[in-house]
């Protein structure tokens, strides 16, 4: 890899950590800000929902991204809008009617898909190596961990408003870096797929359909695990804090898994790798349910984190390998938006079913991910083999 390419990758990774850390940290920052302004817990929850729910507009934004002559500029604009809207919403909390704050935060949320899948869709313009996908997956883990930690630390030193404003600045800074990336190699606007055609790609292309199925059903488990961890930790160790420790172990495992695939990139067909890794995750989840003690459960959740990170890297590689040039952004952004929605559903289902106990919830999660693997395998047997477009 040339020095210029390495420099471009460094700028990409810095921007990715900044913007993904800002997005994950904003949820914590908004909750702390609402509490500081003596708003109800419901208001804090609505602010978080306003930031996450608009991810569903991702497919429409992705069409714009696929058709843009310079995708870097559109991404930078989205990050600027995110920062300004988040700032506006934060300033409005407790000072203006709740609707005003929610509307501003929702505008920031509409940009959310371009902070995740949208940015990943231009990675091939920086590097096409498997190691690059590993680095990209690592930015999700680092951003997801560092963002909330930064929000908490900044709240302690500068107050919750200062924390949210700092996160908004981080998003804008990421936009400034994105503009400096190597020129995008997007399809010409007239060659970009329409919204309908872009969505159809996820269904009609066998490998993409199967990887999307694996992603969606496994995301149910991803969203449910924090809820399950609290329940399971309490049952094993007697305190809710024990559940938090399981969640931390899972997060640490995710960071380790991302680092591993960065050092030793996955090889072979991405779809095959994804299916094998999700199968391993289903087995590991079921094994966690029968952990004989708390220490073993901690180790089991760490293993789950490793497998989640590695399987996520495989899905990123699959999207990059199988998505046509005119629908790259739509594949990445739509998949990311659907994953967020599925994870939210998993958290809600786990909360509603928490009365069944941690072991039952873990077994249900394992069965769901296992079902996805079986369904993908059956689909692969029935569907014709994928032939890359010339």
Protein backbone atom coordinates (compact mmCIF):
# COMPACT_ATOMS: atom_id res chain seq x y z
CA UNK A 1 0.00 0.00 0.00
CA UNK A 2 1.40 3.39 -0.92
CA UNK A 3 2.01 6.17 1.55
CA UNK A 4 -0.81 8.21 0.00
CA UNK A 5 -3.25 5.33 0.37
CA UNK A 6 -2.20 4.81 3.97
CA UNK A 7 -2.70 8.51 4.64
CA UNK A 8 -6.18 8.30 3.13
CA UNK A 9 -7.01 5.27 5.25
CA UNK A 10 -5.77 7.04 8.38
CA UNK A 11 -8.04 10.00 7.65
CA UNK A 12 -10.95 7.66 6.96
CA UNK A 13 -10.48 5.79 10.23
CA UNK A 14 -10.15 9.01 12.22
CA UNK A 15 -13.34 10.39 10.69
CA UNK A 16 -15.14 7.08 11.28
CA UNK A 17 -14.23 6.96 14.97
CA UNK A 18 -15.19 10.61 15.46
CA UNK A 19 -18.56 10.41 13.76
CA UNK A 20 -19.56 6.99 15.09
CA UNK A 21 -18.41 7.94 18.57
CA UNK A 22 -20.48 11.12 18.33
CA UNK A 23 -23.56 9.17 17.28
CA UNK A 24 -23.29 6.53 20.02
CA UNK A 25 -22.32 9.06 22.67
CA UNK A 26 -25.19 11.40 21.79
CA UNK A 27 -27.77 8.95 23.14
CA UNK A 28 -26.08 8.96 26.54
CA UNK A 29 -25.51 12.70 26.41
CA UNK A 30 -29.15 13.46 25.61
CA UNK A 31 -30.38 11.26 28.45
CA UNK A 32 -28.04 12.99 30.91
CA UNK A 33 -29.02 16.40 29.57
CA UNK A 34 -32.73 15.69 29.94
CA UNK A 35 -32.20 14.62 33.53
CA UNK A 36 -30.07 17.69 34.25
CA UNK A 37 -32.80 19.96 32.88
CA UNK A 38 -35.36 18.26 35.14
CA UNK A 39 -37.14 16.65 32.22
CA UNK A 40 -39.06 13.41 32.69
CA UNK A 41 -37.54 10.03 31.90
CA UNK A 42 -40.09 9.78 29.10
CA UNK A 43 -38.67 12.94 27.51
CA UNK A 44 -35.17 11.47 27.62
CA UNK A 45 -36.46 8.29 26.01
CA UNK A 46 -38.20 10.28 23.28
CA UNK A 47 -35.00 12.18 22.53
CA UNK A 48 -33.12 8.91 22.07
CA UNK A 49 -35.95 7.56 19.90
CA UNK A 50 -35.87 10.76 17.82
CA UNK A 51 -32.17 10.17 17.21
CA UNK A 52 -32.45 6.48 16.28
CA UNK A 53 -35.85 5.99 14.62
CA UNK A 54 -35.06 8.14 11.53
CA UNK A 55 -32.51 5.53 10.46
CA UNK A 56 -35.43 4.13 8.48
CA UNK A 57 -35.02 6.97 5.95
CA UNK A 58 -31.64 5.46 5.07
CA UNK A 59 -32.67 3.97 1.70
CA UNK A 60 -33.79 7.37 0.40
CA UNK A 61 -30.53 8.99 1.49
CA UNK A 62 -28.57 6.13 -0.03
CA UNK A 63 -30.06 6.82 -3.47
CA UNK A 64 -28.77 10.38 -3.19
CA UNK A 65 -25.36 9.06 -2.20
CA UNK A 66 -25.21 6.61 -5.10
CA UNK A 67 -26.15 9.38 -7.54
CA UNK A 68 -23.80 12.01 -6.13
CA UNK A 69 -20.90 12.99 -8.37
CA UNK A 70 -18.79 13.51 -5.25
CA UNK A 71 -19.97 11.39 -2.36
CA UNK A 72 -17.43 12.93 -0.03
CA UNK A 73 -19.19 16.30 -0.16
CA UNK A 74 -22.61 14.79 0.52
CA UNK A 75 -21.26 12.87 3.52
CA UNK A 76 -19.53 15.99 4.85
CA UNK A 77 -22.75 17.98 4.46
CA UNK A 78 -24.67 15.29 6.35
CA UNK A 79 -22.14 15.40 9.21
CA UNK A 80 -22.39 19.19 9.34
CA UNK A 81 -26.19 19.01 9.47
CA UNK A 82 -25.95 16.35 12.16
CA UNK A 83 -23.71 18.53 14.30
CA UNK A 84 -25.82 21.68 13.86
CA UNK A 85 -29.12 19.86 14.47
CA UNK A 86 -27.76 18.05 17.54
CA UNK A 87 -26.53 21.38 18.92
CA UNK A 88 -29.90 23.01 18.28
CA UNK A 89 -31.76 20.15 19.94
CA UNK A 90 -29.46 20.20 22.97
CA UNK A 91 -29.88 23.94 23.44
CA UNK A 92 -33.66 23.56 23.19
CA UNK A 93 -33.99 20.87 25.88
CA UNK A 94 -35.69 22.40 28.90
CA UNK A 95 -35.75 25.87 27.34
CA UNK A 96 -38.21 25.45 24.49
CA UNK A 97 -41.23 23.16 24.11
CA UNK A 98 -40.23 19.49 23.96
CA UNK A 99 -41.50 19.28 20.39
CA UNK A 100 -38.84 21.76 19.26
CA UNK A 101 -36.02 19.75 20.80
CA UNK A 102 -37.41 16.50 19.41
CA UNK A 103 -37.72 17.94 15.91
CA UNK A 104 -34.13 19.17 15.90
CA UNK A 105 -32.79 15.86 17.21
CA UNK A 106 -34.87 14.01 14.61
CA UNK A 107 -33.14 16.02 11.87
CA UNK A 108 -29.82 14.81 13.26
CA UNK A 109 -31.21 11.28 13.35
CA UNK A 110 -32.09 11.47 9.66
CA UNK A 111 -28.36 11.87 8.97
CA UNK A 112 -27.56 8.83 11.11
CA UNK A 113 -27.49 6.26 8.30
CA UNK A 114 -24.73 8.21 6.57
CA UNK A 115 -22.61 8.04 9.73
CA UNK A 116 -22.63 4.24 9.62
CA UNK A 117 -23.35 2.41 6.37
CA UNK A 118 -22.99 5.56 4.28
CA UNK A 119 -19.38 6.03 5.30
CA UNK A 120 -18.61 2.32 4.94
CA UNK A 121 -19.89 2.43 1.36
CA UNK A 122 -17.00 4.68 0.27
CA UNK A 123 -14.23 2.65 1.92
CA UNK A 124 -13.40 0.95 -1.38
CA UNK A 125 -12.39 4.37 -2.72
CA UNK A 126 -9.70 4.43 -0.03
CA UNK A 127 -8.66 0.77 0.09
CA UNK A 128 -10.04 -2.50 -1.25
CA UNK A 129 -8.15 -4.76 1.12
CA UNK A 130 -9.83 -7.18 3.52
CA UNK A 131 -7.75 -5.61 6.27
CA UNK A 132 -9.47 -2.30 5.48
CA UNK A 133 -12.85 -3.87 6.29
CA UNK A 134 -11.40 -5.11 9.56
CA UNK A 135 -10.26 -1.60 10.41
CA UNK A 136 -13.70 -0.27 9.52
CA UNK A 137 -15.38 -2.78 11.81
CA UNK A 138 -12.96 -1.72 14.55
CA UNK A 139 -14.14 1.90 14.25
CA UNK A 140 -17.68 0.77 15.05
CA UNK A 141 -16.45 -0.94 18.20
CA UNK A 142 -14.17 1.90 19.26
CA UNK A 143 -16.79 4.54 18.48
CA UNK A 144 -19.51 2.56 20.24
CA UNK A 145 -17.35 2.27 23.36
CA UNK A 146 -15.55 5.61 23.36
CA UNK A 147 -18.62 7.70 22.51
CA UNK A 148 -20.66 6.91 25.64
CA UNK A 149 -17.50 7.00 27.77
CA UNK A 150 -16.64 10.45 26.42
CA UNK A 151 -20.20 11.63 27.04
CA UNK A 152 -20.00 10.53 30.66
CA UNK A 153 -16.52 11.98 31.21
CA UNK A 154 -17.37 15.31 29.58
CA UNK A 155 -20.59 15.52 31.58
CA UNK A 156 -18.54 15.23 34.77
CA UNK A 157 -16.15 17.99 33.68
CA UNK A 158 -18.22 20.33 31.51
CA UNK A 159 -21.82 19.36 32.20
CA UNK A 160 -24.20 17.43 29.94
CA UNK A 161 -24.76 20.35 27.56
CA UNK A 162 -21.02 20.72 27.08
CA UNK A 163 -20.75 16.98 26.43
CA UNK A 164 -23.40 16.99 23.71
CA UNK A 165 -21.90 20.09 22.09
CA UNK A 166 -18.47 18.45 22.05
CA UNK A 167 -19.93 15.40 20.32
CA UNK A 168 -21.57 17.68 17.75
CA UNK A 169 -18.19 19.30 17.07
CA UNK A 170 -16.65 15.84 16.62
CA UNK A 171 -19.21 15.06 13.90
CA UNK A 172 -18.43 18.30 12.08
CA UNK A 173 -14.69 17.59 12.35
CA UNK A 174 -15.31 14.17 10.80
CA UNK A 175 -17.01 15.88 7.87
CA UNK A 176 -13.95 18.07 7.34
CA UNK A 177 -11.79 14.95 7.18
CA UNK A 178 -14.12 13.11 4.80
CA UNK A 179 -13.75 15.87 2.21
CA UNK A 180 -9.99 15.16 2.10
CA UNK A 181 -10.41 11.47 1.26
CA UNK A 182 -9.43 10.17 -2.19
CA UNK A 183 -11.96 11.06 -4.89
CA UNK A 184 -14.97 8.74 -4.84
CA UNK A 185 -15.25 6.13 -7.54
CA UNK A 186 -19.04 6.13 -7.59
CA UNK A 187 -21.09 5.14 -10.60
CA UNK A 188 -22.15 7.98 -12.86
CA UNK A 189 -25.47 9.46 -11.65
CA UNK A 190 -27.31 8.07 -14.66
CA UNK A 191 -26.00 4.57 -13.83
CA UNK A 192 -27.05 4.64 -10.18
CA UNK A 193 -29.89 2.32 -9.25
CA UNK A 194 -33.29 3.73 -8.38
CA UNK A 195 -34.66 3.26 -4.89
CA UNK A 196 -36.79 0.33 -6.00
CA UNK A 197 -33.95 -1.29 -7.94
CA UNK A 198 -31.52 -0.73 -5.09
CA UNK A 199 -33.80 -2.41 -2.58
CA UNK A 200 -34.43 -5.22 -5.04
CA UNK A 201 -30.71 -5.94 -5.13
CA UNK A 202 -30.87 -7.06 -1.50
CA UNK A 203 -33.56 -9.57 -2.41
CA UNK A 204 -32.59 -10.76 -5.87
CA UNK A 205 -28.87 -11.27 -5.35
CA UNK A 206 -28.63 -14.53 -3.45
CA UNK A 207 -25.50 -13.79 -1.37
CA UNK A 208 -26.78 -10.35 -0.38
CA UNK A 209 -30.21 -11.76 0.48
CA UNK A 210 -28.69 -14.44 2.67
CA UNK A 211 -26.24 -12.11 4.39
CA UNK A 212 -29.06 -9.62 5.02
CA UNK A 213 -31.17 -12.40 6.53
CA UNK A 214 -28.29 -13.40 8.80
CA UNK A 215 -27.72 -9.78 9.79
CA UNK A 216 -31.37 -9.05 10.62
CA UNK A 217 -32.03 -12.13 12.75
CA UNK A 218 -28.68 -11.93 14.51
CA UNK A 219 -29.38 -8.24 15.24
CA UNK A 220 -32.36 -9.36 17.33
CA UNK A 221 -29.83 -11.10 19.58
CA UNK A 222 -27.50 -8.09 19.46
CA UNK A 223 -30.23 -5.78 20.73
CA UNK A 224 -31.47 -8.25 23.32
CA UNK A 225 -28.10 -9.06 24.91
CA UNK A 226 -27.81 -5.99 27.20
CA UNK A 227 -31.28 -6.75 28.59
CA UNK A 228 -30.51 -10.46 28.86
CA UNK A 229 -27.15 -9.74 30.51
CA UNK A 230 -28.78 -7.81 33.35
CA UNK A 231 -31.26 -10.61 33.98
CA UNK A 232 -28.71 -13.41 33.65
CA UNK A 233 -26.08 -11.62 35.76
CA UNK A 234 -28.60 -11.05 38.53
CA UNK A 235 -29.53 -14.73 38.53
CA UNK A 236 -25.89 -15.87 38.65
CA UNK A 237 -24.41 -13.30 41.01
CA UNK A 238 -27.33 -11.65 42.76
CA UNK A 239 -26.87 -8.04 41.57
CA UNK A 240 -27.80 -5.99 38.53
CA UNK A 241 -24.20 -4.70 38.46
CA UNK A 242 -23.15 -8.25 37.61
CA UNK A 243 -25.19 -7.93 34.42
CA UNK A 244 -23.36 -4.72 33.56
CA UNK A 245 -20.08 -6.62 33.90
CA UNK A 246 -21.31 -9.18 31.37
CA UNK A 247 -22.10 -6.34 28.98
CA UNK A 248 -18.62 -4.89 29.48
CA UNK A 249 -17.10 -8.31 28.77
CA UNK A 250 -19.13 -8.50 25.57
CA UNK A 251 -17.92 -5.05 24.52
CA UNK A 252 -14.30 -5.91 25.30
CA UNK A 253 -14.66 -9.07 23.25
CA UNK A 254 -16.02 -7.07 20.34
CA UNK A 255 -13.01 -4.77 20.39
CA UNK A 256 -10.68 -7.75 20.55
CA UNK A 257 -12.48 -9.44 17.67
CA UNK A 258 -12.22 -6.32 15.51
CA UNK A 259 -8.52 -6.06 16.30
CA UNK A 260 -7.99 -9.72 15.38
CA UNK A 261 -9.57 -9.42 11.92
CA UNK A 262 -7.56 -6.26 11.35
CA UNK A 263 -4.32 -8.09 12.08
CA UNK A 264 -5.41 -11.31 10.34
CA UNK A 265 -8.05 -10.47 7.69
CA UNK A 266 -10.74 -13.00 6.87
CA UNK A 267 -10.07 -15.05 3.75
CA UNK A 268 -12.38 -16.94 1.44
CA UNK A 269 -15.91 -16.24 0.26
CA UNK A 270 -17.51 -13.58 2.52
CA UNK A 271 -20.95 -15.22 2.47
CA UNK A 272 -19.52 -18.59 3.56
CA UNK A 273 -17.46 -16.92 6.27
CA UNK A 274 -20.52 -15.02 7.56
CA UNK A 275 -22.65 -18.17 7.74
CA UNK A 276 -19.98 -20.10 9.64
CA UNK A 277 -19.39 -17.27 12.08
CA UNK A 278 -23.09 -16.79 12.81
CA UNK A 279 -23.41 -20.53 13.36
CA UNK A 280 -20.56 -20.35 15.85
CA UNK A 281 -22.26 -17.42 17.57
CA UNK A 282 -25.49 -19.42 17.93
CA UNK A 283 -23.58 -22.30 19.52
CA UNK A 284 -21.66 -19.97 21.85
CA UNK A 285 -24.87 -18.23 22.92
CA UNK A 286 -26.48 -21.56 23.79
CA UNK A 287 -23.34 -22.56 25.70
CA UNK A 288 -23.53 -19.32 27.74
CA UNK A 289 -27.01 -20.30 28.85
CA UNK A 290 -25.55 -23.31 30.64
CA UNK A 291 -22.61 -21.50 32.25
CA UNK A 292 -22.01 -23.20 35.60
CA UNK A 293 -20.86 -19.99 37.27
CA UNK A 294 -20.45 -16.26 36.96
CA UNK A 295 -16.79 -16.33 35.89
CA UNK A 296 -17.58 -18.75 33.07
CA UNK A 297 -20.47 -16.51 31.97
CA UNK A 298 -18.11 -13.52 31.77
CA UNK A 299 -15.75 -15.51 29.57
CA UNK A 300 -18.69 -16.70 27.46
CA UNK A 301 -19.95 -13.17 26.86
CA UNK A 302 -16.45 -12.09 25.87
CA UNK A 303 -16.37 -14.91 23.30
CA UNK A 304 -19.75 -13.75 22.01
CA UNK A 305 -18.30 -10.27 21.57
CA UNK A 306 -15.37 -11.63 19.57
CA UNK A 307 -17.68 -13.64 17.30
CA UNK A 308 -20.01 -10.69 16.82
CA UNK A 309 -17.16 -8.43 15.68
CA UNK A 310 -15.69 -11.01 13.31
CA UNK A 311 -19.10 -11.87 11.81
CA UNK A 312 -19.85 -8.16 11.38
CA UNK A 313 -16.61 -7.78 9.44
CA UNK A 314 -17.67 -10.68 7.21
CA UNK A 315 -21.00 -8.99 6.47
CA UNK A 316 -19.22 -5.73 5.57
CA UNK A 317 -16.96 -7.66 3.21
CA UNK A 318 -19.98 -9.40 1.67
CA UNK A 319 -21.76 -6.12 0.97
CA UNK A 320 -18.64 -4.71 -0.65
CA UNK A 321 -18.10 -7.85 -2.73
CA UNK A 322 -21.65 -8.47 -3.94
CA UNK A 323 -23.24 -5.01 -4.25
CA UNK A 324 -23.25 -3.59 -7.79
CA UNK A 325 -21.42 -0.31 -8.40
CA UNK A 326 -24.66 1.64 -8.88
CA UNK A 327 -26.14 0.52 -5.55
CA UNK A 328 -23.19 0.32 -3.16
CA UNK A 329 -24.47 3.04 -0.85
CA UNK A 330 -28.01 1.65 -0.87
CA UNK A 331 -26.82 -1.81 0.12
CA UNK A 332 -24.66 -0.53 2.97
CA UNK A 333 -27.07 2.11 4.26
CA UNK A 334 -30.23 0.02 3.99
CA UNK A 335 -28.57 -2.94 5.70
CA UNK A 336 -27.35 -0.71 8.52
CA UNK A 337 -30.78 0.87 8.99
CA UNK A 338 -32.52 -2.51 9.05
CA UNK A 339 -29.97 -3.77 11.56
CA UNK A 340 -30.64 -0.84 13.90
CA UNK A 341 -34.39 -1.45 13.66
CA UNK A 342 -34.01 -5.17 14.27
CA UNK A 343 -31.76 -4.58 17.28
CA UNK A 344 -34.33 -2.22 18.77
CA UNK A 345 -37.00 -4.88 18.29
CA UNK A 346 -34.74 -7.43 19.99
CA UNK A 347 -34.31 -5.18 23.02
CA UNK A 348 -38.07 -4.65 23.25
CA UNK A 349 -38.82 -8.37 22.95
CA UNK A 350 -36.20 -9.25 25.57
CA UNK A 351 -37.65 -6.69 27.94
CA UNK A 352 -41.16 -8.02 27.47
CA UNK A 353 -40.02 -11.63 27.97
CA UNK A 354 -37.58 -10.99 30.84
CA UNK A 355 -39.88 -12.87 33.20
CA UNK A 356 -38.86 -16.15 31.58
CA UNK A 357 -35.34 -15.80 32.98
CA UNK A 358 -31.87 -15.25 31.56
CA UNK A 359 -31.24 -18.84 30.51
CA UNK A 360 -34.45 -19.07 28.50
CA UNK A 361 -33.72 -15.74 26.83
CA UNK A 362 -30.22 -16.84 25.84
CA UNK A 363 -31.56 -20.08 24.38
CA UNK A 364 -34.19 -18.14 22.45
CA UNK A 365 -31.49 -15.82 21.09
CA UNK A 366 -29.36 -18.80 20.08
CA UNK A 367 -32.35 -20.41 18.36
CA UNK A 368 -33.08 -17.22 16.43
CA UNK A 369 -29.53 -16.90 15.13
CA UNK A 370 -29.41 -20.63 14.42
CA UNK A 371 -32.65 -20.38 12.46
CA UNK A 372 -31.09 -17.63 10.35
CA UNK A 373 -28.13 -19.89 9.52
CA UNK A 374 -30.42 -22.76 8.56
CA UNK A 375 -32.63 -20.51 6.45
CA UNK A 376 -29.59 -19.07 4.66
CA UNK A 377 -28.25 -22.55 3.96
CA UNK A 378 -31.60 -23.73 2.56
CA UNK A 379 -31.80 -20.61 0.41
CA UNK A 380 -28.29 -21.26 -0.88
CA UNK A 381 -29.28 -24.77 -1.91
CA UNK A 382 -32.39 -23.59 -3.72
CA UNK A 383 -31.12 -20.37 -5.32
CA UNK A 384 -28.75 -20.28 -8.29
CA UNK A 385 -25.12 -19.46 -7.65
CA UNK A 386 -24.13 -15.81 -7.74
CA UNK A 387 -22.35 -14.66 -10.90
CA UNK A 388 -20.64 -11.26 -10.54
CA UNK A 389 -21.70 -8.63 -13.04
CA UNK A 390 -19.06 -7.86 -15.67
